[in-house]
């Protein structure tokens, strides 16, 4: 399925002893604004700079993925959920209150 949002890169490799790597969400839609929510399969070792936010039409957002020190692991991932929102929407958490999302993208995480 093609989505209006792309994530670059779609996989992140960081040092197991800690490090930071950016990802960028790019909105190819000239008309639709989206809010996002970032979830992780490993909250013990990963943090993101922005769990919730907006991607404006034809805009992009940089999110830093921070790896905390821990054992090497190659099967973690980020799941980024998206919902279309109106320009007047100011709270990016609100559209996710019922747990729904229009689509999601995964980012593979590997700590070496």
Protein backbone atom coordinates (compact mmCIF):
# COMPACT_ATOMS: atom_id res chain seq x y z
CA UNK A 1 0.00 0.00 0.00
CA UNK A 2 1.34 3.42 -0.92
CA UNK A 3 1.02 6.03 1.80
CA UNK A 4 1.29 9.83 1.54
CA UNK A 5 3.99 9.79 4.25
CA UNK A 6 7.45 8.32 3.74
CA UNK A 7 10.03 7.67 6.46
CA UNK A 8 13.74 8.03 5.72
CA UNK A 9 15.57 5.87 6.54
CA UNK A 10 13.27 2.89 7.11
CA UNK A 11 15.88 1.18 9.28
CA UNK A 12 18.27 2.54 11.91
CA UNK A 13 21.55 1.01 13.09
CA UNK A 14 23.04 2.38 16.32
CA UNK A 15 25.72 1.31 18.77
CA UNK A 16 24.41 -0.91 21.58
CA UNK A 17 26.28 1.25 24.10
CA UNK A 18 24.18 4.26 23.06
CA UNK A 19 23.79 6.77 20.28
CA UNK A 20 21.40 8.94 18.30
CA UNK A 21 20.17 8.63 14.73
CA UNK A 22 17.63 10.88 12.99
CA UNK A 23 14.65 9.79 10.92
CA UNK A 24 12.58 12.12 8.74
CA UNK A 25 8.85 11.91 8.05
CA UNK A 26 8.01 13.41 4.64
CA UNK A 27 4.45 14.27 3.59
CA UNK A 28 3.96 14.03 -0.19
CA UNK A 29 0.35 15.25 -0.01
CA UNK A 30 -0.19 18.88 -1.04
CA UNK A 31 -3.54 19.00 0.76
CA UNK A 32 -3.54 16.70 3.79
CA UNK A 33 -2.06 17.40 7.19
CA UNK A 34 -1.29 14.40 9.41
CA UNK A 35 -0.62 13.87 13.08
CA UNK A 36 1.65 11.06 14.19
CA UNK A 37 2.31 8.91 17.24
CA UNK A 38 5.57 6.97 17.67
CA UNK A 39 5.48 3.64 19.52
CA UNK A 40 8.46 1.39 20.28
CA UNK A 41 8.78 -2.35 20.86
CA UNK A 42 11.61 -1.59 23.31
CA UNK A 43 10.94 1.32 25.67
CA UNK A 44 13.78 0.19 27.95
CA UNK A 45 16.49 1.09 25.43
CA UNK A 46 14.95 3.56 22.95
CA UNK A 47 13.61 7.10 23.26
CA UNK A 48 12.40 9.49 20.56
CA UNK A 49 12.59 13.28 20.57
CA UNK A 50 8.92 13.65 19.66
CA UNK A 51 6.31 10.97 20.42
CA UNK A 52 3.44 13.06 19.01
CA UNK A 53 3.40 15.76 16.35
CA UNK A 54 2.17 17.03 13.01
CA UNK A 55 3.44 16.72 9.43
CA UNK A 56 2.19 19.63 7.33
CA UNK A 57 1.21 19.28 3.64
CA UNK A 58 4.40 18.85 1.58
CA UNK A 59 6.32 19.21 4.84
CA UNK A 60 8.78 17.11 6.79
CA UNK A 61 9.59 16.46 10.44
CA UNK A 62 12.88 15.23 11.91
CA UNK A 63 12.71 12.84 14.87
CA UNK A 64 15.82 11.79 16.78
CA UNK A 65 15.96 8.13 17.81
CA UNK A 66 18.05 7.77 20.97
CA UNK A 67 19.49 4.40 21.98
CA UNK A 68 20.33 3.99 25.67
CA UNK A 69 23.17 1.61 26.65
CA UNK A 70 22.15 -2.04 26.60
CA UNK A 71 22.78 -5.40 24.99
CA UNK A 72 23.01 -5.77 21.20
CA UNK A 73 19.60 -6.49 19.68
CA UNK A 74 18.34 -6.57 16.10
CA UNK A 75 14.59 -7.24 16.29
CA UNK A 76 13.25 -3.96 17.70
CA UNK A 77 11.18 -1.46 15.73
CA UNK A 78 9.35 1.82 15.86
CA UNK A 79 5.73 1.84 14.79
CA UNK A 80 4.58 5.27 13.61
CA UNK A 81 0.81 5.76 13.48
CA UNK A 82 -0.81 8.46 11.33
CA UNK A 83 -4.20 10.19 11.28
CA UNK A 84 -5.34 12.96 8.90
CA UNK A 85 -6.29 16.14 10.76
CA UNK A 86 -7.72 19.56 10.01
CA UNK A 87 -5.49 22.63 9.99
CA UNK A 88 -7.28 23.81 13.14
CA UNK A 89 -6.21 20.74 15.16
CA UNK A 90 -3.70 21.81 17.84
CA UNK A 91 -3.39 18.67 20.00
CA UNK A 92 -1.62 15.80 18.20
CA UNK A 93 -2.64 13.32 20.94
CA UNK A 94 -6.40 13.82 20.52
CA UNK A 95 -6.92 11.88 17.29
CA UNK A 96 -5.30 8.80 18.87
CA UNK A 97 -7.49 8.78 22.00
CA UNK A 98 -9.61 5.91 20.64
CA UNK A 99 -6.56 3.92 19.50
CA UNK A 100 -7.32 4.27 15.78
CA UNK A 101 -4.96 5.21 12.97
CA UNK A 102 -5.43 5.55 9.21
CA UNK A 103 -2.10 3.90 8.45
CA UNK A 104 1.24 3.07 10.05
CA UNK A 105 4.88 2.80 9.05
CA UNK A 106 7.57 0.68 10.70
CA UNK A 107 11.23 1.56 11.23
CA UNK A 108 13.54 -1.36 11.99
CA UNK A 109 15.97 -0.79 14.86
CA UNK A 110 19.28 -2.61 15.21
CA UNK A 111 21.77 -2.10 18.05
CA UNK A 112 25.20 -3.58 17.33
